[in-house]
N, C-alpha and C. Protein backbone atom coordinates (compact mmCIF):
# COMPACT_ATOMS: atom_id res chain seq x y z
N MET A 1 -7.17 29.51 -19.36
CA MET A 1 -7.99 28.35 -19.68
C MET A 1 -9.34 28.85 -20.19
N SER A 2 -9.75 28.41 -21.34
CA SER A 2 -11.02 28.81 -21.92
C SER A 2 -12.12 27.86 -21.47
N THR A 3 -13.26 28.43 -21.10
CA THR A 3 -14.41 27.60 -20.75
C THR A 3 -15.31 27.39 -21.95
N GLN A 4 -14.93 27.96 -23.11
CA GLN A 4 -15.74 27.87 -24.31
C GLN A 4 -15.42 26.65 -25.17
N GLN A 5 -14.31 25.99 -24.91
CA GLN A 5 -13.88 24.86 -25.72
C GLN A 5 -13.69 23.63 -24.83
N PRO A 6 -14.02 22.44 -25.34
CA PRO A 6 -13.74 21.23 -24.58
C PRO A 6 -12.23 21.08 -24.39
N LEU A 7 -11.85 20.56 -23.25
CA LEU A 7 -10.45 20.33 -22.94
C LEU A 7 -10.12 18.85 -23.04
N GLN A 8 -8.93 18.56 -23.47
CA GLN A 8 -8.43 17.19 -23.55
C GLN A 8 -7.68 16.87 -22.26
N SER A 9 -7.81 15.67 -21.76
CA SER A 9 -7.04 15.29 -20.58
C SER A 9 -5.57 15.14 -20.95
N PHE A 10 -4.72 15.22 -19.94
CA PHE A 10 -3.28 15.02 -20.11
C PHE A 10 -2.93 13.70 -19.47
N LYS A 11 -2.34 12.78 -20.24
CA LYS A 11 -1.92 11.50 -19.68
C LYS A 11 -0.60 11.70 -18.96
N VAL A 12 -0.64 11.56 -17.66
CA VAL A 12 0.53 11.77 -16.82
C VAL A 12 1.45 10.55 -16.94
N PRO A 13 2.73 10.76 -17.27
CA PRO A 13 3.64 9.61 -17.35
C PRO A 13 3.88 9.01 -15.96
N THR A 14 3.82 7.70 -15.87
CA THR A 14 4.07 7.01 -14.61
C THR A 14 5.03 5.85 -14.85
N ASP A 15 5.65 5.40 -13.79
CA ASP A 15 6.53 4.23 -13.89
C ASP A 15 6.09 3.12 -12.94
N ASP A 16 4.85 3.23 -12.43
CA ASP A 16 4.37 2.24 -11.47
C ASP A 16 3.17 1.43 -11.97
N GLY A 17 2.85 1.54 -13.26
CA GLY A 17 1.75 0.78 -13.83
C GLY A 17 0.39 1.45 -13.73
N ARG A 18 0.32 2.53 -12.97
CA ARG A 18 -0.95 3.25 -12.83
C ARG A 18 -1.18 4.12 -14.06
N GLU A 19 -2.43 4.27 -14.45
CA GLU A 19 -2.81 5.13 -15.56
C GLU A 19 -3.49 6.37 -14.98
N ILE A 20 -2.97 7.54 -15.31
CA ILE A 20 -3.51 8.78 -14.78
C ILE A 20 -3.81 9.73 -15.92
N HIS A 21 -5.05 10.21 -15.97
CA HIS A 21 -5.47 11.23 -16.94
C HIS A 21 -5.94 12.43 -16.14
N GLU A 22 -5.16 13.51 -16.19
CA GLU A 22 -5.53 14.72 -15.47
C GLU A 22 -6.38 15.60 -16.38
N TYR A 23 -7.50 16.09 -15.85
CA TYR A 23 -8.41 16.95 -16.60
C TYR A 23 -8.23 18.41 -16.24
N PHE A 24 -7.91 18.69 -14.99
CA PHE A 24 -7.61 20.04 -14.52
C PHE A 24 -6.44 19.93 -13.55
N GLY A 25 -5.51 20.88 -13.60
CA GLY A 25 -4.40 20.87 -12.66
C GLY A 25 -3.12 21.36 -13.31
N HIS A 26 -2.01 21.16 -12.61
CA HIS A 26 -0.71 21.64 -13.09
C HIS A 26 -0.33 21.05 -14.45
N ALA A 27 -0.49 19.76 -14.60
CA ALA A 27 -0.02 19.09 -15.83
C ALA A 27 -0.89 19.41 -17.04
N SER A 28 -2.20 19.57 -16.84
CA SER A 28 -3.11 19.73 -17.97
C SER A 28 -3.44 21.18 -18.31
N THR A 29 -3.74 21.99 -17.31
CA THR A 29 -4.21 23.36 -17.58
C THR A 29 -3.36 24.42 -16.89
N LEU A 30 -2.29 23.99 -16.23
CA LEU A 30 -1.41 24.89 -15.48
C LEU A 30 -2.13 25.57 -14.31
N ALA A 31 -3.25 25.02 -13.87
CA ALA A 31 -4.00 25.57 -12.75
C ALA A 31 -3.40 25.08 -11.44
N GLY A 32 -3.47 25.90 -10.42
CA GLY A 32 -2.87 25.53 -9.14
C GLY A 32 -3.84 25.38 -7.99
N ASP A 33 -5.09 25.86 -8.16
CA ASP A 33 -6.04 25.80 -7.06
C ASP A 33 -6.52 24.39 -6.76
N PHE A 34 -6.73 23.60 -7.80
CA PHE A 34 -7.20 22.23 -7.62
C PHE A 34 -6.81 21.41 -8.84
N SER A 35 -6.89 20.09 -8.69
CA SER A 35 -6.68 19.20 -9.83
C SER A 35 -7.73 18.09 -9.77
N VAL A 36 -8.11 17.59 -10.95
CA VAL A 36 -9.04 16.47 -11.08
C VAL A 36 -8.42 15.46 -12.02
N ALA A 37 -8.34 14.22 -11.56
CA ALA A 37 -7.73 13.17 -12.38
C ALA A 37 -8.56 11.89 -12.32
N HIS A 38 -8.56 11.17 -13.43
CA HIS A 38 -9.17 9.85 -13.53
C HIS A 38 -8.02 8.86 -13.48
N MET A 39 -8.08 7.93 -12.54
CA MET A 39 -6.95 7.01 -12.33
C MET A 39 -7.39 5.56 -12.42
N LYS A 40 -6.45 4.73 -12.88
CA LYS A 40 -6.65 3.28 -12.88
C LYS A 40 -5.41 2.66 -12.25
N ALA A 41 -5.63 1.92 -11.17
CA ALA A 41 -4.55 1.25 -10.46
C ALA A 41 -4.66 -0.25 -10.73
N PRO A 42 -3.62 -0.85 -11.32
CA PRO A 42 -3.69 -2.27 -11.62
C PRO A 42 -3.69 -3.12 -10.35
N ALA A 43 -4.14 -4.35 -10.47
CA ALA A 43 -4.09 -5.29 -9.36
C ALA A 43 -2.65 -5.38 -8.86
N GLY A 44 -2.49 -5.35 -7.54
CA GLY A 44 -1.16 -5.46 -6.94
C GLY A 44 -0.39 -4.15 -6.85
N TRP A 45 -0.95 -3.03 -7.30
CA TRP A 45 -0.25 -1.75 -7.30
C TRP A 45 -0.13 -1.19 -5.88
N SER A 46 0.97 -0.51 -5.61
CA SER A 46 1.13 0.20 -4.34
C SER A 46 2.07 1.38 -4.54
N GLU A 47 2.02 2.30 -3.61
CA GLU A 47 2.92 3.44 -3.60
C GLU A 47 3.43 3.61 -2.18
N PRO A 48 4.53 4.34 -2.01
CA PRO A 48 5.06 4.54 -0.65
C PRO A 48 4.18 5.49 0.16
N MET A 49 4.39 5.48 1.46
CA MET A 49 3.72 6.43 2.34
C MET A 49 4.13 7.84 1.91
N GLN A 50 3.25 8.79 2.14
CA GLN A 50 3.53 10.17 1.79
C GLN A 50 2.83 11.09 2.80
N ARG A 51 3.22 12.35 2.81
CA ARG A 51 2.59 13.35 3.67
C ARG A 51 2.34 14.60 2.82
N PRO A 52 1.32 14.55 1.94
CA PRO A 52 1.10 15.63 0.97
C PRO A 52 0.66 16.95 1.61
N THR A 53 0.90 18.01 0.87
CA THR A 53 0.48 19.34 1.31
C THR A 53 -0.81 19.77 0.60
N PHE A 54 -1.63 18.77 0.24
CA PHE A 54 -2.95 19.03 -0.36
C PHE A 54 -3.95 18.05 0.23
N ASP A 55 -5.22 18.44 0.27
CA ASP A 55 -6.30 17.53 0.62
C ASP A 55 -6.61 16.71 -0.63
N GLU A 56 -6.85 15.42 -0.46
CA GLU A 56 -7.19 14.57 -1.60
C GLU A 56 -8.52 13.88 -1.36
N TYR A 57 -9.45 14.10 -2.29
CA TYR A 57 -10.78 13.52 -2.24
C TYR A 57 -10.85 12.43 -3.30
N LEU A 58 -11.17 11.20 -2.89
CA LEU A 58 -11.23 10.08 -3.83
C LEU A 58 -12.64 9.51 -3.91
N VAL A 59 -13.05 9.16 -5.14
CA VAL A 59 -14.31 8.47 -5.38
C VAL A 59 -13.97 7.22 -6.18
N VAL A 60 -14.26 6.06 -5.63
CA VAL A 60 -13.97 4.80 -6.32
C VAL A 60 -15.12 4.48 -7.26
N LEU A 61 -14.80 4.35 -8.54
CA LEU A 61 -15.79 4.06 -9.58
C LEU A 61 -15.96 2.56 -9.82
N ARG A 62 -14.85 1.83 -9.66
CA ARG A 62 -14.85 0.38 -9.94
C ARG A 62 -13.74 -0.26 -9.14
N GLY A 63 -14.02 -1.42 -8.56
CA GLY A 63 -13.01 -2.13 -7.79
C GLY A 63 -12.93 -1.63 -6.36
N LYS A 64 -11.75 -1.82 -5.74
CA LYS A 64 -11.52 -1.44 -4.35
C LYS A 64 -10.12 -0.85 -4.22
N LEU A 65 -9.96 0.04 -3.27
CA LEU A 65 -8.68 0.67 -2.99
C LEU A 65 -8.43 0.56 -1.49
N CYS A 66 -7.23 0.17 -1.11
CA CYS A 66 -6.84 0.14 0.29
C CYS A 66 -6.24 1.50 0.63
N VAL A 67 -6.70 2.10 1.71
CA VAL A 67 -6.25 3.43 2.11
C VAL A 67 -5.71 3.37 3.53
N GLU A 68 -4.54 3.94 3.73
CA GLU A 68 -3.95 4.07 5.06
C GLU A 68 -3.81 5.57 5.35
N ILE A 69 -4.40 6.02 6.43
CA ILE A 69 -4.27 7.40 6.87
C ILE A 69 -3.83 7.36 8.33
N ASN A 70 -2.61 7.85 8.58
CA ASN A 70 -1.98 7.74 9.90
C ASN A 70 -2.01 6.28 10.34
N ASP A 71 -2.68 5.95 11.43
CA ASP A 71 -2.68 4.57 11.93
C ASP A 71 -3.93 3.79 11.53
N SER A 72 -4.79 4.36 10.68
CA SER A 72 -6.00 3.68 10.23
C SER A 72 -5.78 3.07 8.86
N LYS A 73 -6.33 1.88 8.65
CA LYS A 73 -6.24 1.20 7.35
C LYS A 73 -7.62 0.64 7.05
N PHE A 74 -8.13 0.93 5.84
CA PHE A 74 -9.47 0.47 5.48
C PHE A 74 -9.58 0.34 3.97
N THR A 75 -10.66 -0.28 3.52
CA THR A 75 -10.92 -0.49 2.10
C THR A 75 -12.04 0.45 1.67
N VAL A 76 -11.82 1.12 0.53
CA VAL A 76 -12.84 1.97 -0.08
C VAL A 76 -13.32 1.23 -1.33
N ALA A 77 -14.59 0.88 -1.36
CA ALA A 77 -15.14 0.06 -2.45
C ALA A 77 -15.89 0.92 -3.46
N GLU A 78 -16.23 0.31 -4.57
CA GLU A 78 -17.00 0.96 -5.63
C GLU A 78 -18.19 1.72 -5.06
N GLY A 79 -18.35 2.99 -5.45
CA GLY A 79 -19.44 3.81 -4.97
C GLY A 79 -19.15 4.52 -3.66
N GLN A 80 -17.99 4.26 -3.07
CA GLN A 80 -17.63 4.92 -1.82
C GLN A 80 -16.57 5.99 -2.07
N SER A 81 -16.38 6.85 -1.08
CA SER A 81 -15.40 7.93 -1.19
C SER A 81 -14.66 8.09 0.12
N VAL A 82 -13.56 8.84 0.06
CA VAL A 82 -12.76 9.09 1.26
C VAL A 82 -12.00 10.40 1.05
N VAL A 83 -11.69 11.06 2.15
CA VAL A 83 -10.86 12.27 2.12
C VAL A 83 -9.57 11.96 2.87
N ALA A 84 -8.44 12.27 2.24
CA ALA A 84 -7.14 12.17 2.88
C ALA A 84 -6.68 13.61 3.14
N PRO A 85 -6.80 14.09 4.39
CA PRO A 85 -6.46 15.48 4.68
C PRO A 85 -4.96 15.76 4.52
N LYS A 86 -4.64 16.97 4.10
CA LYS A 86 -3.25 17.35 3.93
C LYS A 86 -2.50 17.21 5.25
N GLU A 87 -1.21 16.99 5.11
CA GLU A 87 -0.27 16.83 6.23
C GLU A 87 -0.44 15.52 6.98
N MET A 88 -1.42 14.69 6.62
CA MET A 88 -1.57 13.38 7.23
C MET A 88 -0.65 12.40 6.49
N ARG A 89 -0.19 11.40 7.19
CA ARG A 89 0.60 10.35 6.58
C ARG A 89 -0.39 9.42 5.88
N VAL A 90 -0.23 9.24 4.55
CA VAL A 90 -1.23 8.51 3.77
C VAL A 90 -0.57 7.60 2.75
N ARG A 91 -1.28 6.54 2.41
CA ARG A 91 -0.82 5.63 1.36
C ARG A 91 -2.03 4.96 0.72
N PHE A 92 -1.99 4.85 -0.61
CA PHE A 92 -3.03 4.17 -1.38
C PHE A 92 -2.41 2.94 -2.03
N THR A 93 -3.12 1.81 -1.97
CA THR A 93 -2.65 0.58 -2.61
C THR A 93 -3.83 -0.18 -3.19
N ASN A 94 -3.53 -1.07 -4.13
CA ASN A 94 -4.54 -1.98 -4.66
C ASN A 94 -3.99 -3.40 -4.52
N PRO A 95 -4.12 -4.00 -3.33
CA PRO A 95 -3.62 -5.36 -3.13
C PRO A 95 -4.57 -6.43 -3.65
N PHE A 96 -5.63 -6.00 -4.31
CA PHE A 96 -6.69 -6.92 -4.74
C PHE A 96 -6.39 -7.50 -6.12
N ASP A 97 -7.21 -8.44 -6.57
CA ASP A 97 -6.98 -9.16 -7.83
C ASP A 97 -7.51 -8.44 -9.07
N THR A 98 -8.20 -7.33 -8.89
CA THR A 98 -8.77 -6.61 -10.03
C THR A 98 -8.35 -5.14 -10.02
N GLU A 99 -8.37 -4.54 -11.18
CA GLU A 99 -8.04 -3.13 -11.33
C GLU A 99 -9.01 -2.26 -10.53
N CYS A 100 -8.52 -1.14 -10.02
CA CYS A 100 -9.35 -0.16 -9.33
C CYS A 100 -9.36 1.12 -10.16
N GLU A 101 -10.53 1.67 -10.36
CA GLU A 101 -10.69 2.91 -11.13
C GLU A 101 -11.30 3.95 -10.21
N TYR A 102 -10.70 5.14 -10.18
CA TYR A 102 -11.18 6.17 -9.27
C TYR A 102 -10.90 7.57 -9.78
N ILE A 103 -11.60 8.53 -9.19
CA ILE A 103 -11.41 9.95 -9.48
C ILE A 103 -10.74 10.57 -8.26
N ALA A 104 -9.75 11.42 -8.49
CA ALA A 104 -9.08 12.13 -7.40
C ALA A 104 -9.19 13.63 -7.63
N LEU A 105 -9.61 14.33 -6.60
CA LEU A 105 -9.65 15.79 -6.60
C LEU A 105 -8.66 16.24 -5.53
N CYS A 106 -7.67 17.05 -5.90
CA CYS A 106 -6.68 17.55 -4.95
C CYS A 106 -6.80 19.06 -4.84
N MET A 107 -6.75 19.54 -3.58
CA MET A 107 -6.82 20.98 -3.33
C MET A 107 -5.77 21.35 -2.31
N PRO A 108 -4.78 22.20 -2.63
CA PRO A 108 -4.50 22.74 -3.95
C PRO A 108 -4.10 21.62 -4.91
N ALA A 109 -3.86 21.98 -6.15
CA ALA A 109 -3.61 21.00 -7.20
C ALA A 109 -2.43 20.09 -6.89
N PHE A 110 -2.55 18.83 -7.34
CA PHE A 110 -1.44 17.89 -7.24
C PHE A 110 -0.24 18.45 -7.97
N HIS A 111 0.90 18.30 -7.36
CA HIS A 111 2.19 18.61 -7.99
C HIS A 111 3.21 17.71 -7.30
N PRO A 112 4.16 17.13 -8.04
CA PRO A 112 5.13 16.23 -7.41
C PRO A 112 5.84 16.83 -6.20
N ASP A 113 6.07 18.13 -6.22
CA ASP A 113 6.75 18.77 -5.09
C ASP A 113 5.88 18.81 -3.83
N ARG A 114 4.59 18.60 -3.98
CA ARG A 114 3.66 18.66 -2.85
C ARG A 114 3.36 17.30 -2.24
N VAL A 115 3.87 16.22 -2.84
CA VAL A 115 3.52 14.88 -2.39
C VAL A 115 4.31 14.47 -1.14
N ARG A 116 5.59 14.71 -1.14
CA ARG A 116 6.50 14.35 -0.04
C ARG A 116 6.43 12.85 0.27
N ARG A 117 6.79 12.04 -0.72
CA ARG A 117 6.83 10.58 -0.56
C ARG A 117 7.99 10.17 0.34
N GLU A 118 7.75 9.14 1.13
CA GLU A 118 8.81 8.60 1.97
C GLU A 118 9.66 7.62 1.15
N SER A 119 10.90 7.51 1.50
CA SER A 119 11.81 6.59 0.78
C SER A 119 11.61 5.17 1.23
């Protein structure tokens, strides 16, 4: 990866309505130490519970995101952040009426094999 040239984000294909643009990570730069992605979750979006093998740091830029970590459930609003530690049972949803926009930093980098989604 060259630090001398601007990098283009990689639009990650999804089938759940979420828009993901990865700037650093497996999909965009083949890096494995960390990943940074800009995400947009439409109103009503949800994903299954998971137990990832990476720490995930989220910063909400616009809207609200519902976060479940183990037995805790709370809302992260615009301007707020949260850490979902690796190996914890976690789920992110947007049950609200407006889109949520956020940045996610994963360490080590996000990779589908590291998510461990529940069926």
